[in-house]
Protein backbone atom coordinates (compact mmCIF):
# COMPACT_ATOMS: atom_id res chain seq x y z
CA MET A 1 -1.61 -14.95 -28.38
CA ASP A 2 -3.13 -13.74 -25.11
CA GLY A 3 -6.73 -14.67 -24.38
CA THR A 4 -9.38 -12.28 -23.08
CA ILE A 5 -12.46 -13.80 -21.44
CA PRO A 6 -15.35 -11.51 -20.46
CA ILE A 7 -17.25 -12.84 -17.44
CA THR A 8 -20.59 -11.25 -16.61
CA VAL A 9 -21.99 -11.84 -13.14
CA SER A 10 -25.70 -11.06 -12.86
CA GLY A 11 -27.97 -12.56 -10.25
CA ASP A 12 -27.17 -16.26 -9.95
CA ILE A 13 -25.81 -16.89 -13.44
CA VAL A 14 -22.26 -16.46 -14.73
CA SER A 15 -21.62 -16.61 -18.49
CA ARG A 16 -18.24 -16.68 -20.24
CA PRO A 17 -17.85 -16.07 -23.97
CA PHE A 18 -14.38 -17.18 -25.10
CA THR A 19 -11.85 -15.37 -27.30
CA GLY A 20 -8.17 -15.97 -28.08
CA ARG A 21 -6.72 -19.37 -27.09
CA ALA A 22 -9.85 -20.30 -25.15
CA ALA A 23 -11.99 -19.73 -28.27
CA LEU A 24 -9.71 -21.95 -30.34
CA ALA A 25 -9.94 -24.66 -27.71
CA ALA A 26 -13.73 -24.39 -27.61
CA LEU A 27 -14.00 -24.58 -31.41
CA ALA A 28 -11.72 -27.63 -31.50
CA LEU A 29 -14.15 -29.34 -29.16
CA GLY A 30 -17.07 -28.37 -31.37
CA LEU A 31 -18.43 -25.91 -28.79
CA PRO A 32 -19.67 -22.37 -29.39
CA ALA A 33 -17.44 -19.50 -28.27
CA ALA A 34 -19.84 -18.76 -25.39
CA CYS A 35 -19.90 -22.26 -24.01
CA LEU A 36 -20.12 -22.16 -20.24
CA VAL A 37 -22.96 -21.16 -17.99
CA ALA A 38 -22.67 -21.95 -14.28
CA PRO A 39 -24.19 -20.85 -10.98
CA ALA A 40 -22.38 -17.88 -9.44
CA GLY A 41 -20.48 -18.45 -6.23
CA PRO A 42 -17.31 -20.17 -5.03
CA SER A 43 -18.36 -23.56 -6.43
CA ALA A 44 -18.48 -22.04 -9.92
CA ALA A 45 -14.92 -20.72 -9.81
CA ALA A 46 -13.15 -23.82 -11.07
CA ALA A 47 -15.73 -24.30 -13.81
CA ILE A 48 -15.63 -20.85 -15.37
CA SER A 49 -12.23 -19.33 -14.67
CA PRO A 50 -9.43 -19.77 -17.23
CA ALA A 51 -5.97 -21.21 -16.94
CA ALA A 52 -3.22 -20.02 -19.25
CA PRO A 53 -2.65 -21.24 -21.83
CA VAL A 54 -6.05 -22.91 -22.29
CA ALA A 55 -5.40 -26.14 -24.20
CA VAL A 56 -7.81 -28.66 -25.73
CA GLY A 57 -9.11 -30.90 -22.97
CA GLN A 58 -7.35 -28.96 -20.23
CA GLU A 59 -9.54 -27.87 -17.30
CA ALA A 60 -9.24 -24.16 -16.52
CA ALA A 61 -8.02 -23.05 -13.08
CA ALA A 62 -9.56 -20.11 -11.22
CA PRO A 63 -7.53 -16.87 -11.19
CA VAL A 64 -9.95 -15.27 -8.71
CA ALA A 65 -13.08 -16.42 -6.92
CA ALA A 66 -16.01 -16.20 -9.34
CA GLY A 67 -18.68 -15.07 -6.90
CA HIS A 68 -19.70 -11.49 -6.27
CA LEU A 69 -17.35 -9.11 -4.49
CA ASP A 70 -18.43 -8.39 -0.94
CA LEU A 71 -18.73 -4.71 -1.77
CA GLY A 72 -21.81 -2.53 -1.58
CA ALA A 73 -25.34 -3.86 -1.96
CA PRO A 74 -25.48 -7.61 -2.72
CA ASP A 75 -27.66 -7.18 -5.85
CA LEU A 76 -25.26 -4.98 -7.82
CA PRO A 77 -24.28 -5.95 -11.37
CA GLU A 78 -20.68 -7.09 -11.67
CA ASN A 79 -18.60 -7.70 -14.80
CA ARG A 80 -15.24 -9.44 -15.03
CA THR A 81 -12.86 -9.68 -17.95
CA VAL A 82 -9.92 -12.07 -17.66
CA THR A 83 -6.76 -11.53 -19.72
CA VAL A 84 -4.15 -14.29 -19.86
CA LEU A 85 -0.68 -12.72 -19.68
CA ALA A 86 1.38 -15.90 -19.37
CA PRO A 87 0.93 -19.45 -18.09
CA GLY A 88 -0.04 -19.01 -14.44
CA LEU A 89 -0.50 -15.24 -14.72
CA THR A 90 -3.85 -13.53 -15.34
CA ARG A 91 -5.28 -10.06 -15.05
CA THR A 92 -8.94 -9.77 -14.10
CA SER A 93 -10.72 -6.43 -14.62
CA ILE A 94 -13.77 -6.03 -12.40
CA THR A 95 -16.46 -3.37 -12.54
CA ARG A 96 -19.21 -3.39 -9.96
CA GLY A 97 -22.28 -1.24 -9.38
CA THR A 98 -23.83 1.60 -11.34
CA PRO A 99 -23.71 5.41 -11.18
CA ASN A 100 -25.95 6.68 -8.39
CA GLN A 101 -27.77 9.99 -8.74
CA ASP A 102 -28.29 10.16 -4.97
CA LEU A 103 -24.57 10.88 -4.55
CA GLN A 104 -23.74 14.58 -4.59
CA TRP A 105 -20.92 17.01 -3.98
CA THR A 106 -21.04 18.85 -0.66
CA ALA A 107 -18.96 21.30 1.36
CA GLU A 108 -17.16 19.81 4.37
CA VAL A 109 -16.09 22.30 7.04
CA ALA A 110 -12.76 22.17 8.86
CA ILE A 111 -13.53 22.71 12.53
CA PRO A 112 -10.86 24.57 14.53
CA SER A 113 -9.11 22.52 17.18
CA ALA A 114 -10.22 22.88 20.79
CA SER A 115 -6.58 22.51 21.86
CA PRO A 116 -4.91 25.50 23.59
CA ASP A 117 -2.01 25.03 21.14
CA PRO A 118 -2.37 27.87 18.59
CA ASP A 119 -0.75 25.66 15.92
CA ALA A 120 -3.15 22.75 16.42
CA PRO A 121 -4.63 21.90 13.00
CA ALA A 122 -8.30 22.02 12.14
CA SER A 123 -10.20 18.75 11.75
CA ALA A 124 -13.30 17.63 9.92
CA LEU A 125 -14.49 15.96 13.14
CA SER A 126 -15.29 17.27 16.62
CA SER A 127 -17.66 16.75 19.53
CA GLU A 128 -21.38 17.14 18.91
CA ALA A 129 -21.51 20.37 20.92
CA GLN A 130 -18.66 21.96 18.98
CA ALA A 131 -20.06 20.82 15.62
CA ARG A 132 -23.48 22.30 16.45
CA SER A 133 -21.89 25.56 17.53
CA VAL A 134 -20.04 25.84 14.21
CA ALA A 135 -23.19 24.94 12.27
CA ASP A 136 -25.18 27.62 14.12
CA LYS A 137 -22.60 30.28 13.22
CA LEU A 138 -22.63 29.23 9.59
CA ARG A 139 -26.43 29.31 9.43
CA ALA A 140 -26.33 32.82 10.85
CA ALA A 141 -24.04 33.70 7.94
CA GLY A 142 -26.54 32.27 5.46
CA VAL A 143 -24.95 28.84 4.96
CA PRO A 144 -27.39 25.87 5.15
CA ALA A 145 -25.10 23.86 7.44
CA ARG A 146 -25.96 20.44 8.82
CA VAL A 147 -24.37 18.24 11.49
CA GLU A 148 -23.72 14.57 10.72
CA HIS A 149 -22.72 11.80 13.13
CA VAL A 150 -19.88 9.66 11.77
CA GLN A 151 -20.02 5.97 12.64
CA SER A 152 -17.16 3.87 11.32
CA PRO A 153 -17.22 0.08 10.88
CA GLN A 154 -15.72 -1.74 13.84
CA LEU A 155 -12.30 -3.20 13.06
CA ALA A 156 -10.21 -5.60 15.14
CA ASP A 157 -8.73 -2.78 17.23
CA ALA A 158 -10.36 0.48 16.09
CA GLY A 159 -13.51 2.02 14.64
CA GLY A 160 -16.94 2.86 16.01
CA ASP A 161 -18.00 6.39 16.95
CA LEU A 162 -15.59 8.88 15.34
CA GLY A 163 -17.40 12.14 16.13
CA TYR A 164 -19.40 14.77 14.26
CA ARG A 165 -18.81 16.70 11.05
CA VAL A 166 -20.36 19.85 9.59
CA ARG A 167 -21.39 19.92 5.95
CA ALA A 168 -23.33 22.35 3.80
CA GLY A 169 -25.22 22.12 0.52
CA GLN A 170 -25.61 19.53 -2.22
CA PHE A 171 -24.16 20.27 -5.65
CA PRO A 172 -24.30 18.39 -8.96
CA THR A 173 -20.63 19.21 -9.68
CA ARG A 174 -17.58 20.17 -7.66
CA ALA A 175 -17.46 23.60 -9.28
CA ASP A 176 -21.04 24.32 -8.18
CA GLY A 177 -19.87 24.35 -4.56
CA SER A 178 -17.45 27.26 -5.01
CA VAL A 179 -19.92 29.94 -3.95
CA THR A 180 -20.74 28.11 -0.71
CA ILE A 181 -17.03 27.66 0.01
CA THR A 182 -16.53 31.41 -0.39
CA VAL A 183 -19.29 32.17 2.12
CA ILE A 184 -17.92 29.62 4.60
CA LYS A 185 -14.45 31.18 4.37
CA ALA A 186 -15.94 34.64 4.88
CA ALA A 187 -17.47 33.31 8.11
CA GLY A 188 -13.99 32.33 9.31
CA TYR A 189 -13.81 28.62 8.49
CA ALA A 190 -11.89 26.51 5.99
CA ALA A 191 -13.82 24.06 3.83
CA SER A 192 -13.51 21.88 0.74
CA VAL A 193 -15.95 20.31 -1.70
CA ILE A 194 -16.05 16.50 -1.46
CA TYR A 195 -18.12 13.74 -3.07
CA THR A 196 -20.47 11.89 -0.73
CA GLY A 197 -19.73 8.62 -2.53
CA TRP A 198 -16.28 8.71 -0.96
CA ASP A 199 -17.73 8.35 2.54
CA GLY A 200 -17.05 5.09 4.34
CA ASP A 201 -19.91 5.60 6.80
CA GLU A 202 -21.53 2.53 8.28
CA GLY A 203 -25.25 2.04 7.81
CA THR A 204 -25.81 4.48 4.91
CA SER A 205 -27.62 3.19 1.82
CA GLU A 206 -27.01 5.85 -0.82
CA ASN A 207 -23.31 5.02 -1.14
CA THR A 208 -23.71 1.24 -1.46
CA ARG A 209 -24.48 1.23 -5.20
CA GLY A 210 -21.00 2.02 -6.50
CA PRO A 211 -19.54 2.21 -9.04
CA TRP A 212 -16.19 0.55 -8.47
CA LYS A 213 -13.35 -0.49 -10.76
CA LEU A 214 -10.70 -3.00 -9.70
CA GLU A 215 -7.83 -4.84 -11.37
CA VAL A 216 -6.52 -8.18 -10.07
CA LEU A 217 -3.26 -9.90 -10.98
CA THR A 218 -3.20 -13.59 -10.01
CA ILE A 219 0.12 -15.42 -9.90
CA ASP A 220 0.12 -19.21 -9.57
CA PRO A 221 3.60 -20.29 -8.43
CA LYS A 222 2.94 -23.82 -9.70
CA GLU A 223 2.34 -22.59 -13.26
CA PHE A 224 4.07 -19.21 -13.65
CA ARG A 225 7.56 -19.67 -15.08
CA GLY A 226 8.51 -16.03 -14.77
CA GLU A 227 9.45 -14.08 -11.68
CA LEU A 228 7.51 -12.02 -9.15
CA ALA A 229 9.98 -9.50 -7.76
CA SER A 230 10.38 -6.01 -6.36
CA SER A 231 12.08 -3.16 -8.19
CA PHE A 232 13.19 0.25 -6.93
CA GLY A 233 14.95 1.54 -10.05
CA PRO A 234 18.52 2.85 -10.32
CA ASN A 235 18.71 3.67 -6.59
CA LEU A 236 16.62 3.84 -3.42
CA GLN A 237 16.61 7.59 -2.93
CA ASP A 238 14.84 8.59 -6.16
CA ARG A 239 11.29 7.96 -7.34
CA GLU A 240 10.07 6.52 -10.63
CA THR A 241 6.57 5.72 -11.88
CA THR A 242 5.31 2.15 -11.79
CA SER A 243 5.24 2.10 -15.59
CA GLN A 244 8.88 3.26 -15.71
CA LEU A 245 9.92 0.55 -13.25
CA GLY A 246 7.93 -2.07 -15.15
CA SER A 247 9.30 -1.06 -18.56
CA ALA A 248 12.89 -0.89 -17.31
CA ALA A 249 12.56 -4.43 -15.96
CA GLY A 250 10.81 -5.75 -19.09
CA ALA A 251 7.82 -6.71 -16.98
CA LEU A 252 4.64 -8.36 -18.21
CA ALA A 253 2.77 -6.43 -15.51
CA ALA A 254 3.47 -4.38 -12.41
CA VAL A 255 1.78 -2.69 -9.46
CA ASN A 256 3.02 -0.01 -7.09
CA GLY A 257 4.65 -1.32 -3.94
CA GLY A 258 5.21 -0.26 -0.34
CA TYR A 259 5.25 3.00 1.58
CA PHE A 260 8.06 5.44 0.88
CA VAL A 261 9.36 8.89 1.83
CA LEU A 262 7.70 11.66 -0.18
CA ASP A 263 8.63 14.87 1.68
CA PRO A 264 12.37 15.80 1.74
CA LYS A 265 11.84 16.93 5.34
CA ALA A 266 11.07 13.29 6.21
CA GLY A 267 14.19 11.81 4.62
CA ALA A 268 15.28 10.96 1.10
CA PRO A 269 12.28 10.95 -1.28
CA GLY A 270 11.79 7.46 -2.71
CA ASP A 271 13.42 5.70 0.22
CA PRO A 272 11.26 2.81 1.54
CA ALA A 273 9.40 3.69 4.75
CA GLY A 274 9.43 0.12 6.01
CA THR A 275 10.89 -3.25 5.12
CA ALA A 276 12.55 -3.71 1.74
CA VAL A 277 14.48 -6.74 0.54
CA ARG A 278 15.62 -7.26 -3.05
CA ASP A 279 16.97 -10.63 -4.18
CA GLY A 280 17.92 -11.56 -0.63
CA GLN A 281 19.59 -8.28 0.34
CA VAL A 282 18.04 -6.27 3.16
CA LEU A 283 17.80 -2.65 2.00
CA SER A 284 15.45 -1.08 4.57
CA GLU A 285 14.44 -1.97 8.12
CA PRO A 286 10.87 -2.67 9.29
CA VAL A 287 8.50 -0.23 11.00
CA GLY A 288 8.04 -2.00 14.32
CA ASP A 289 6.53 -5.35 13.36
CA ARG A 290 4.22 -4.04 10.67
CA PRO A 291 3.30 -6.67 8.07
CA SER A 292 5.07 -7.21 4.78
CA LEU A 293 4.58 -9.25 1.63
CA VAL A 294 7.39 -11.80 1.49
CA ILE A 295 8.09 -13.39 -1.91
CA GLY A 296 10.16 -16.55 -1.93
CA ALA A 297 12.60 -17.68 -4.60
CA LYS A 298 9.90 -19.82 -6.26
CA ASN A 299 7.30 -17.00 -6.41
CA GLU A 300 5.51 -18.24 -3.31
CA GLY A 301 4.06 -15.33 -1.33
CA SER A 302 3.27 -14.93 2.35
CA ILE A 303 2.26 -12.17 4.74
CA GLN A 304 4.66 -11.93 7.67
CA ARG A 305 5.32 -9.60 10.57
CA LEU A 306 9.05 -8.93 10.71
CA HIS A 307 11.07 -6.92 13.18
CA TRP A 308 14.60 -5.58 13.10
CA ASP A 309 17.76 -6.91 14.69
CA GLY A 310 20.59 -4.67 13.49
CA SER A 311 24.12 -4.71 14.85
CA VAL A 312 27.70 -3.60 14.20
CA THR A 313 30.22 -6.07 15.57
CA ALA A 314 34.00 -5.62 15.67
CA SER A 315 36.32 -8.52 15.00
CA GLY A 316 38.08 -10.20 17.88
CA ASN A 317 35.17 -9.55 20.28
CA ALA A 318 36.22 -5.90 20.44
CA GLY A 319 32.66 -4.72 20.92
CA GLU A 320 29.18 -4.46 19.44
CA LEU A 321 26.81 -1.56 18.78
CA VAL A 322 23.13 -1.41 17.90
CA LEU A 323 22.43 -0.59 14.25
CA ASP A 324 19.30 1.57 14.13
CA GLY A 325 18.56 1.27 10.43
CA ILE A 326 19.79 0.96 6.89
CA ASN A 327 19.69 3.27 3.86
CA ARG A 328 17.85 6.23 5.38
CA VAL A 329 18.72 9.68 6.66
CA PRO A 330 19.88 9.32 10.30
CA GLY A 331 17.54 10.91 12.81
CA LEU A 332 14.44 10.76 10.56
CA ILE A 333 12.24 7.68 10.86
CA ARG A 334 9.27 7.78 8.52
CA ASN A 335 6.29 5.92 10.04
CA CYS A 336 8.31 5.55 13.28
CA GLY A 337 8.57 2.11 14.88
CA GLY A 338 12.30 2.17 15.72
CA THR A 339 14.16 2.17 19.04
CA GLY A 340 14.21 5.33 21.14
CA ASP A 341 12.23 7.34 18.59
CA THR A 342 10.45 10.56 19.56
CA PRO A 343 7.52 10.82 20.21
CA THR A 344 6.98 7.05 19.98
CA SER A 345 8.74 3.79 19.23
CA LEU A 346 5.48 2.30 17.98
CA PRO A 347 4.37 2.48 14.33
CA LEU A 348 2.69 5.80 13.47
CA HIS A 349 1.64 6.06 9.87
CA ASP A 350 2.43 9.09 7.71
CA PHE A 351 4.38 10.62 10.58
CA THR A 352 8.12 11.25 10.91
CA CYS A 353 9.70 10.42 14.24
CA THR A 354 13.14 11.65 15.23
CA ASP A 355 16.14 10.25 17.09
CA THR A 356 19.24 12.37 17.74
CA ASP A 357 21.51 9.40 18.49
CA GLU A 358 21.66 6.84 15.69
CA ILE A 359 23.89 4.52 13.68
CA VAL A 360 22.64 3.84 10.14
CA ALA A 361 24.28 1.66 7.50
CA PHE A 362 24.36 2.36 3.77
CA THR A 363 24.79 0.10 0.76
CA PRO A 364 25.61 1.10 -2.84
CA GLU A 365 21.90 0.76 -3.69
CA TYR A 366 21.11 3.93 -1.73
CA GLY A 367 22.55 6.24 -4.37
CA SER A 368 25.66 8.03 -5.54
CA ALA A 369 26.27 9.75 -2.19
CA THR A 370 25.15 9.23 1.38
CA PRO A 371 23.39 12.00 3.36
CA SER A 372 25.68 14.82 4.44
CA GLY A 373 25.81 16.51 7.83
CA PRO A 374 27.49 16.52 11.24
CA GLY A 375 28.50 13.29 12.92
CA ALA A 376 30.86 10.61 11.61
CA GLU A 377 30.98 8.12 8.75
CA VAL A 378 32.98 4.91 8.62
CA VAL A 379 33.79 3.38 5.23
CA LEU A 380 34.00 -0.44 4.92
CA ASP A 381 35.29 -2.29 1.87
CA ALA A 382 33.68 -5.44 0.44
CA HIS A 383 35.42 -7.52 3.14
CA GLY A 384 34.19 -5.35 6.02
CA MET A 385 37.60 -3.74 6.55
CA VAL A 386 37.61 -0.16 7.84
CA THR A 387 39.25 2.00 5.17
CA ALA A 388 38.31 5.46 6.45
CA VAL A 389 36.79 7.19 9.48
CA ASN A 390 35.38 10.56 8.42
CA LYS A 391 34.49 13.30 10.91
CA VAL A 392 31.52 14.46 8.84
CA ARG A 393 28.80 12.55 7.03
CA GLY A 394 28.50 12.30 3.27
CA THR A 395 30.55 10.12 0.91
CA SER A 396 30.17 7.35 -1.66
CA VAL A 397 29.70 3.69 -0.78
CA PRO A 398 32.38 1.35 -2.19
CA ALA A 399 31.19 -1.45 -4.49
CA GLY A 400 30.15 -4.42 -2.39
CA GLY A 401 30.84 -2.51 0.80
CA HIS A 402 29.08 -0.37 3.37
CA THR A 403 29.35 2.91 5.15
CA LEU A 404 28.18 3.52 8.70
CA GLN A 405 26.92 6.94 9.75
CA ALA A 406 26.61 8.02 13.38
CA THR A 407 24.97 11.05 14.94
CA GLY A 408 24.76 12.50 18.46
CA ALA A 409 26.07 10.36 21.29
CA ASP A 410 26.60 7.42 18.93
CA THR A 411 29.32 9.33 17.07
CA ASP A 412 31.98 8.68 19.69
CA ARG A 413 30.83 5.08 20.17
CA LEU A 414 31.19 4.27 16.50
CA THR A 415 34.54 6.00 15.98
CA ALA A 416 35.95 4.25 19.07
CA LEU A 417 34.93 0.87 17.62
CA ALA A 418 36.02 1.57 14.04
CA ARG A 419 39.77 1.67 13.90
CA ALA A 420 41.58 1.62 10.55
CA GLY A 421 42.38 -1.96 9.54
CA ARG A 422 39.77 -3.47 11.85
CA LYS A 423 36.94 -5.56 10.42
CA LEU A 424 33.34 -4.73 11.25
CA LYS A 425 30.38 -7.03 10.60
CA VAL A 426 27.12 -5.28 9.72
CA GLY A 427 24.16 -7.38 10.89
CA THR A 428 20.78 -6.72 9.24
CA ASP A 429 18.59 -9.57 10.43
CA LEU A 430 14.82 -9.60 9.98
CA ILE A 431 13.14 -11.62 12.72
CA GLY A 432 9.84 -13.39 12.13
CA SER A 433 7.01 -13.93 14.60
CA ASP A 434 8.56 -17.32 15.40
CA GLY A 435 11.64 -15.55 16.76
CA LYS A 436 13.86 -16.87 13.98
CA PRO A 437 15.73 -14.83 11.36
CA LEU A 438 14.05 -14.69 7.96
CA LYS A 439 15.93 -16.74 5.39
CA THR A 440 16.48 -14.03 2.80
CA GLY A 441 18.24 -16.02 0.07
CA GLY A 442 16.45 -15.20 -3.19
CA THR A 443 13.70 -13.40 -1.25
CA ASP A 444 12.03 -10.08 -1.99
CA VAL A 445 10.01 -8.14 0.59
CA ILE A 446 7.64 -5.17 0.20
CA ASN A 447 6.34 -3.29 3.25
CA GLY A 448 2.67 -2.57 3.92
CA GLY A 449 -0.06 -2.36 6.53
CA PRO A 450 -2.46 -2.71 8.09
CA VAL A 451 -3.26 -6.41 8.03
CA LEU A 452 -6.59 -6.93 6.27
CA VAL A 453 -7.15 -10.70 6.36
CA GLN A 454 -5.53 -13.27 8.65
CA ASP A 455 -6.13 -17.03 8.74
CA GLY A 456 -9.00 -16.67 6.28
CA ALA A 457 -10.95 -14.08 8.29
CA VAL A 458 -11.18 -10.30 8.11
CA ASN A 459 -8.88 -8.99 10.85
CA VAL A 460 -7.95 -5.33 10.34
CA THR A 461 -5.26 -4.22 12.81
CA ALA A 462 -5.34 -0.47 12.16
CA ALA A 463 -4.26 0.58 15.66
CA ARG A 464 -1.45 -1.95 15.99
CA ASP A 465 -0.07 -0.94 12.60
CA GLY A 466 -0.07 2.79 13.33
CA MET A 467 -3.15 4.12 11.55
CA VAL A 468 -4.74 5.48 14.75
CA ARG A 469 -3.47 8.74 16.23
CA SER A 470 -4.41 10.02 19.65
CA GLY A 471 -5.22 13.68 20.15
CA ASP A 472 -6.19 14.61 16.59
CA SER A 473 -9.99 14.22 16.90
CA ASN A 474 -9.79 11.07 14.77
CA SER A 475 -8.92 13.29 11.81
CA PHE A 476 -6.22 11.04 10.35
CA TYR A 477 -8.27 7.89 10.90
CA TYR A 478 -11.29 9.55 9.29
CA GLY A 479 -9.42 10.49 6.13
CA TRP A 480 -7.10 7.50 5.79
CA VAL A 481 -8.97 4.49 7.21
CA HIS A 482 -12.65 5.43 7.23
CA LYS A 483 -13.02 7.27 3.93
CA ARG A 484 -12.81 5.61 0.55
CA ASN A 485 -9.50 6.03 -1.24
CA PRO A 486 -7.61 4.30 -4.05
CA ARG A 487 -6.09 1.13 -2.58
CA THR A 488 -3.48 -1.45 -3.53
CA ILE A 489 -3.80 -4.84 -1.86
CA ALA A 490 -1.54 -7.91 -1.74
CA GLY A 491 -2.45 -11.33 -0.44
CA VAL A 492 -2.35 -15.08 -0.82
CA ASP A 493 -5.28 -17.43 -1.41
CA ALA A 494 -5.91 -20.95 -0.14
CA GLU A 495 -4.26 -22.43 -3.26
CA GLY A 496 -1.02 -20.55 -2.60
CA ARG A 497 -1.57 -18.03 -5.39
CA THR A 498 -0.49 -14.43 -4.85
CA LEU A 499 -3.06 -11.76 -5.73
CA LEU A 500 -2.21 -8.10 -6.38
CA VAL A 501 -5.21 -5.76 -6.51
CA THR A 502 -5.73 -2.12 -7.39
CA ALA A 503 -8.98 -0.28 -6.70
CA ASP A 504 -9.43 3.12 -8.33
CA GLY A 505 -10.81 5.91 -6.18
CA ARG A 506 -11.30 9.66 -5.59
CA GLN A 507 -13.37 9.66 -8.78
CA THR A 508 -17.11 9.63 -9.42
CA THR A 509 -16.63 6.71 -11.80
CA SER A 510 -14.89 4.61 -9.12
CA LEU A 511 -15.48 5.43 -5.47
CA GLY A 512 -12.47 3.72 -3.90
CA LEU A 513 -12.45 1.56 -0.78
CA SER A 514 -12.41 2.18 2.93
CA ILE A 515 -9.93 -0.04 4.75
CA LYS A 516 -12.82 -2.24 5.93
CA GLU A 517 -14.06 -2.54 2.34
CA ALA A 518 -10.53 -3.39 1.20
CA ALA A 519 -10.51 -6.26 3.70
CA ASP A 520 -13.93 -7.46 2.54
CA VAL A 521 -12.80 -7.35 -1.09
CA ALA A 522 -9.63 -9.28 -0.29
CA ARG A 523 -11.59 -11.97 1.51
CA SER A 524 -14.22 -12.25 -1.23
CA LEU A 525 -11.43 -12.69 -3.79
CA GLY A 526 -10.41 -15.78 -1.85
CA MET A 527 -7.44 -14.40 0.06
CA VAL A 528 -6.66 -16.14 3.35
CA SER A 529 -4.04 -13.53 4.25
CA ALA A 530 -3.79 -9.99 2.93
CA ILE A 531 -2.33 -6.56 3.64
CA ASN A 532 -2.82 -3.04 2.39
CA LEU A 533 0.06 -1.63 0.33
CA ASP A 534 0.67 2.03 -0.51
CA GLY A 535 -2.46 3.56 -2.04
CA GLY A 536 -3.97 6.93 -2.83
CA GLY A 537 -2.27 8.58 -5.79
CA SER A 538 0.33 5.79 -5.79
CA THR A 539 -2.18 3.09 -6.77
CA THR A 540 -1.19 1.95 -10.26
CA MET A 541 -1.32 -1.23 -12.33
CA VAL A 542 0.63 -1.64 -15.56
CA GLN A 543 0.43 -4.25 -18.31
CA ASP A 544 3.07 -4.34 -21.06
CA GLY A 545 4.23 -0.86 -20.09
CA GLN A 546 0.76 0.70 -20.24
CA VAL A 547 -1.22 1.90 -17.22
CA VAL A 548 -4.49 -0.09 -17.11
CA ASN A 549 -6.17 1.55 -14.11
CA SER A 550 -6.99 5.22 -13.49
CA PRO A 551 -4.51 6.84 -11.02
CA SER A 552 -6.12 9.60 -8.96
CA ASP A 553 -3.47 12.34 -9.03
CA ALA A 554 -4.48 15.27 -11.22
CA VAL A 555 -1.11 15.18 -12.99
CA GLY A 556 -1.43 11.46 -13.74
CA GLU A 557 0.77 8.57 -12.65
CA ARG A 558 2.70 9.28 -9.44
CA PRO A 559 6.41 8.45 -9.07
CA VAL A 560 6.78 5.88 -6.28
CA GLY A 561 9.51 4.24 -4.22
CA ASP A 562 9.23 0.70 -5.51
CA ALA A 563 6.97 -1.67 -7.41
CA LEU A 564 6.13 -5.33 -7.71
CA VAL A 565 6.99 -6.55 -11.19
CA LEU A 566 6.06 -9.74 -13.07
CA LEU A 567 9.01 -10.72 -15.24
CA PRO A 568 8.86 -13.23 -18.11
CA GLY A 569 12.00 -15.11 -17.06
CA ARG A 570 12.86 -16.64 -13.68
CA LYS A 571 16.15 -15.64 -12.08
CA HIS A 572 16.86 -19.06 -10.60
C-alpha cells in the first residue's frame, strides 16, 4: 500500500498527519496518526519527511527540503502532500500562496519593429520614446493606454533593463478585454489579453502572493530498486504524450523530457533538439555545450555540459570525415550550436540554423525511413561494412547498422570515402568539461538548459545557453525567460538524490515560474545542481498512467519528444 502524508507549512510550525504505512507504523508505536510537530526549515527535513516504506522504528528520510519554497512573499501559506510510490521514490505535491484579487487581465500591445526590414516582427518591448508614441496614438483613439518599464532580475549573464511595454485596461476576465482589443486593432496595432500574474517583473508586490502548484519526484539511488531512464517511444521522429510513454514503459511515474523539434520546417517532429542517449547509445548530438541531465547505470544523476566529437573513419587509414550530427534532417539544426551553422554556431534557443554541407548518421531508432532529398546516402551493415552508396537520400536503416547522409560539398567527400566492401567506423563521442569522452555504458541523457543551480548556488546562464537573442528588442527573452511559464526542472541534491519538478503555469490557479524563480525553487528544494528541461505546454507529470499536474495547452496533454520514466524493475 502506498502512503500519503499531508504536510502543512504555516509560519514556523510543520505538522504531519500520517496515513497508509506511516499510520500503521505510528499506531504500532502507540502514537497518534498526527504525531510529529517540528520547526520549519532545513533542520526539520529529516524529522518530518518520510522514507518508503516507513517501517516500525525506521527513521524517515527527507524526499525534499521541508522549509518554505523561495517563491513569492516569505509569509505565504504552503502545503505539501507526500505520496510514497516505491522504496526510495516519492512524489511531493506543493501548493503555495493564495488567489490575489489585485491580479487582473490586461491588453498588451505589440509594438511594430523600428527595423527597416518590412518583415521584422512586432515586439511587446521597445524604447521608452517609441512606447510613449504608441501609447499617445492609442489614447487619441480612446484607449486608456499606459507605459510600463520592464526590469528583469539579474542573472549570471543576462537580465536587467529590458525596455518598455504598452498596456491598456484592467479586466476581471480574459473575455472582458475583447472590446479593448478590437479598438486597439482598429488603431493599427496587434494586441492580446494577458494575466498580470504571469509577469516576472522585479520589484512588484502584487504578483508575489501566488498561487503556485508544483509536483516533485525524488529518487534516492541508494534506496530505489527500480530504474530512472529516458524513453522516446517507438522511434525518434514521432511524438507521444508523457502518459503514453509512461504507460508503454510500465512506469510508476514520468515527466516530460528535453527539447525537441515541433515544426516540420525545423526537422522531423519529435526528434531531440539536443543531446539524447538511451541505454548507452548516443541518439542525438548536443547543442554546443548546453547542459544535460546524465543518469548513470545505478540511477545516479548529474548535470554535465557535453559537446560533440563526431567522425567517420575508413579502415586502413583511408581517411576521416567530420560527422555533423546523428538522427536529424541534414541542413536543419534546431537550437543551433553545431559547426559552420548559419547564422551562428552558438546555441540559439527555439531557432533553426542551417548548414548546406553536412554528414549526418542514422540509426534504426530514427524511424522506418531516413529523410529523403538530394545528396547521397551510404548504407552500413552491423559490422560497419559499406553495402550500398545511393545517389539520393532516403532509405531504411539495417538492423544494428547505420546510414550516412551527405549534402552539398560533403556529398563527394563521403562517396569518395565509402567504397563498396570498405568498413567505416561511425564515431559519436560526447566530451565532458574535463575533455574526456563520457562513458555511456548503461547511461541515459536528456538535454536541457539553461543551467539554474551550480555548486549549490543559483547561477542562471541564459545567454551562454542560447536564451538571449540580439536584435529582437528582448522580445524572446521577455516571453521565454522573464515571464512566468510552466516549467520542468531536473537536478541533484547534496545527498545524491535526483529531483524532477513540474510547475504548472499560464493559469490563474497556478502562475508558473520565471527562469529566475525556477532557479530559486530548485535551490530551496535542496538541489546543488539543476537545469531547466522543456516546459510550456510540454510540462507534464504522470503517476500510474494518470496526469497529476495541469498541462497548459488548451487541448490538454501535449505530445513530446521524450520523457523521463521511473520503472519498477532495474535493467542491470
